Amino acid sequence: MNAAQWLGNSTTDITKRAQALLIVIGMFCESARFIPISSYLRRTRQQSQKTPVWVETLVHRWGELSGCCLFYDADPTYKWVPQTLEVEGPSPNYNPVKVVAQTVNELLEYRGILQRNPRTIHAPAG
């Protein structure tokens, strides 16, 4: 049974429903932050499975990748550092693939909303 089903099932115990609510909230947040995560969740919404490593990696790189976009936006002469991402590959097997964003526009194809907290955004290493 998946999180949405646990949440919608009134016979599920309160602890399991609380866990399901946190999972569903997290799914919405991460879908807004990354387009590949949104696509993955749309495709697998009826399946109960462990979160792939590539999703966890993108989640933890949100601030770093936001910084890449925001630093470049603030100063277009800023030296762009290509960013390697691992995302879900094409059908039929959807195995993860590595892609390299050579420009800010290529990176934006994978991004949803950006983090804008100046305390946590740093210039990309390169």
Protein backbone atom coordinates (compact mmCIF):
# COMPACT_ATOMS: atom_id res chain seq x y z
CA MET A 1 0.00 0.00 0.00
CA ASN A 2 1.40 3.46 -0.80
CA ALA A 3 1.36 6.67 1.25
CA ALA A 4 -1.68 8.16 -0.49
CA GLN A 5 -3.66 4.99 0.16
CA TRP A 6 -2.58 4.91 3.83
CA LEU A 7 -3.66 8.53 4.18
CA GLY A 8 -7.03 7.90 2.58
CA ASN A 9 -7.77 4.72 4.55
CA SER A 10 -9.58 5.56 7.79
CA THR A 11 -8.78 2.10 9.21
CA THR A 12 -5.00 2.72 9.02
CA ASP A 13 -3.56 3.44 12.49
CA ILE A 14 -2.86 7.08 13.35
CA THR A 15 0.94 6.67 13.35
CA LYS A 16 0.95 5.17 9.86
CA ARG A 17 -1.39 7.94 8.63
CA ALA A 18 0.92 10.60 10.13
CA GLN A 19 3.91 9.04 8.35
CA ALA A 20 1.91 8.93 5.12
CA LEU A 21 1.03 12.62 5.46
CA LEU A 22 4.72 13.51 5.80
CA ILE A 23 5.56 11.43 2.72
CA VAL A 24 2.83 13.10 0.64
CA ILE A 25 3.91 16.59 1.76
CA GLY A 26 7.50 15.75 0.84
CA MET A 27 6.41 14.50 -2.58
CA PHE A 28 4.68 17.79 -3.35
CA CYS A 29 7.63 19.89 -2.18
CA GLU A 30 10.24 17.92 -4.10
CA SER A 31 8.05 17.89 -7.22
CA ALA A 32 8.00 21.69 -7.14
CA ARG A 33 11.79 21.86 -6.77
CA PHE A 34 12.79 19.43 -9.54
CA ILE A 35 11.05 18.55 -12.81
CA PRO A 36 12.60 15.02 -12.99
CA ILE A 37 11.26 14.23 -9.51
CA SER A 38 7.81 15.44 -10.53
CA SER A 39 7.92 13.19 -13.60
CA TYR A 40 9.10 10.21 -11.53
CA LEU A 41 6.35 10.67 -8.94
CA ARG A 42 3.66 11.01 -11.62
CA ARG A 43 4.84 7.77 -13.21
CA THR A 44 5.17 5.78 -9.98
CA ARG A 45 2.34 7.25 -7.88
CA GLN A 46 0.49 3.93 -7.69
CA GLN A 47 3.57 1.91 -6.75
CA SER A 48 5.02 1.41 -3.30
CA GLN A 49 8.78 1.46 -3.58
CA LYS A 50 11.92 2.85 -2.01
CA THR A 51 13.01 6.29 -3.19
CA PRO A 52 15.79 5.98 -5.80
CA VAL A 53 19.26 7.28 -4.93
CA TRP A 54 19.16 9.82 -7.78
CA VAL A 55 16.07 11.47 -6.18
CA GLU A 56 17.80 11.72 -2.79
CA THR A 57 20.91 13.20 -4.45
CA LEU A 58 18.91 15.89 -6.27
CA VAL A 59 17.05 16.77 -3.08
CA HIS A 60 20.33 17.32 -1.23
CA ARG A 61 21.80 19.42 -4.08
CA TRP A 62 18.87 21.88 -4.22
CA GLY A 63 20.72 24.78 -2.55
CA GLU A 64 23.89 24.20 -4.57
CA LEU A 65 22.03 24.06 -7.89
CA SER A 66 19.94 27.09 -6.94
CA GLY A 67 23.17 28.96 -6.25
CA CYS A 68 24.47 28.11 -9.72
CA CYS A 69 21.41 29.69 -11.30
CA LEU A 70 21.21 32.71 -8.99
CA PHE A 71 24.91 33.61 -9.16
CA TYR A 72 24.82 33.46 -12.94
CA ASP A 73 21.57 35.47 -13.04
CA ALA A 74 23.09 38.17 -10.83
CA ASP A 75 26.27 38.37 -12.93
CA PRO A 76 26.12 36.89 -16.46
CA THR A 77 29.91 37.27 -16.73
CA TYR A 78 30.28 34.79 -13.88
CA LYS A 79 32.21 31.72 -15.06
CA TRP A 80 29.65 28.96 -15.51
CA VAL A 81 30.64 25.61 -14.02
CA PRO A 82 28.98 22.67 -15.84
CA GLN A 83 26.80 20.66 -13.46
CA THR A 84 26.43 16.88 -13.66
CA LEU A 85 23.04 15.53 -12.60
CA GLU A 86 21.71 12.02 -12.34
CA VAL A 87 18.07 11.76 -13.41
CA GLU A 88 15.59 9.12 -14.46
CA GLY A 89 16.39 7.69 -17.87
CA PRO A 90 14.01 6.95 -20.74
CA SER A 91 11.45 4.17 -20.94
CA PRO A 92 11.07 1.25 -20.95
CA ASN A 93 13.45 0.61 -18.01
CA TYR A 94 13.90 4.19 -16.66
CA ASN A 95 17.45 3.44 -15.45
CA PRO A 96 19.17 6.56 -14.08
CA VAL A 97 21.37 8.50 -16.51
CA LYS A 98 23.94 11.24 -15.98
CA VAL A 99 23.41 14.52 -17.81
CA VAL A 100 25.71 17.52 -17.88
CA ALA A 101 24.19 20.99 -17.85
CA GLN A 102 26.71 22.97 -19.91
CA THR A 103 24.76 26.23 -19.50
CA VAL A 104 22.39 27.78 -16.98
CA ASN A 105 19.56 27.29 -19.48
CA GLU A 106 20.26 23.55 -19.63
CA LEU A 107 20.23 23.37 -15.82
CA LEU A 108 16.93 25.25 -15.70
CA GLU A 109 15.35 22.47 -17.80
CA TYR A 110 15.66 20.26 -14.70
CA ARG A 111 14.79 22.85 -12.05
CA GLY A 112 11.49 23.88 -10.60
CA ILE A 113 11.55 26.57 -7.92
CA LEU A 114 14.85 27.98 -6.62
CA GLN A 115 16.09 28.35 -3.07
CA ARG A 116 16.70 32.02 -2.28
CA ASN A 117 18.00 31.94 1.29
CA PRO A 118 21.27 33.93 1.11
CA ARG A 119 22.68 32.13 4.17
CA THR A 120 22.62 28.75 2.41
CA ILE A 121 23.51 29.68 -1.17
CA HIS A 122 27.17 29.59 -2.13
CA ALA A 123 29.02 30.18 -5.37
CA PRO A 124 29.44 26.97 -7.37
CA ALA A 125 32.81 25.29 -7.02
CA GLY A 126 34.81 25.01 -10.15
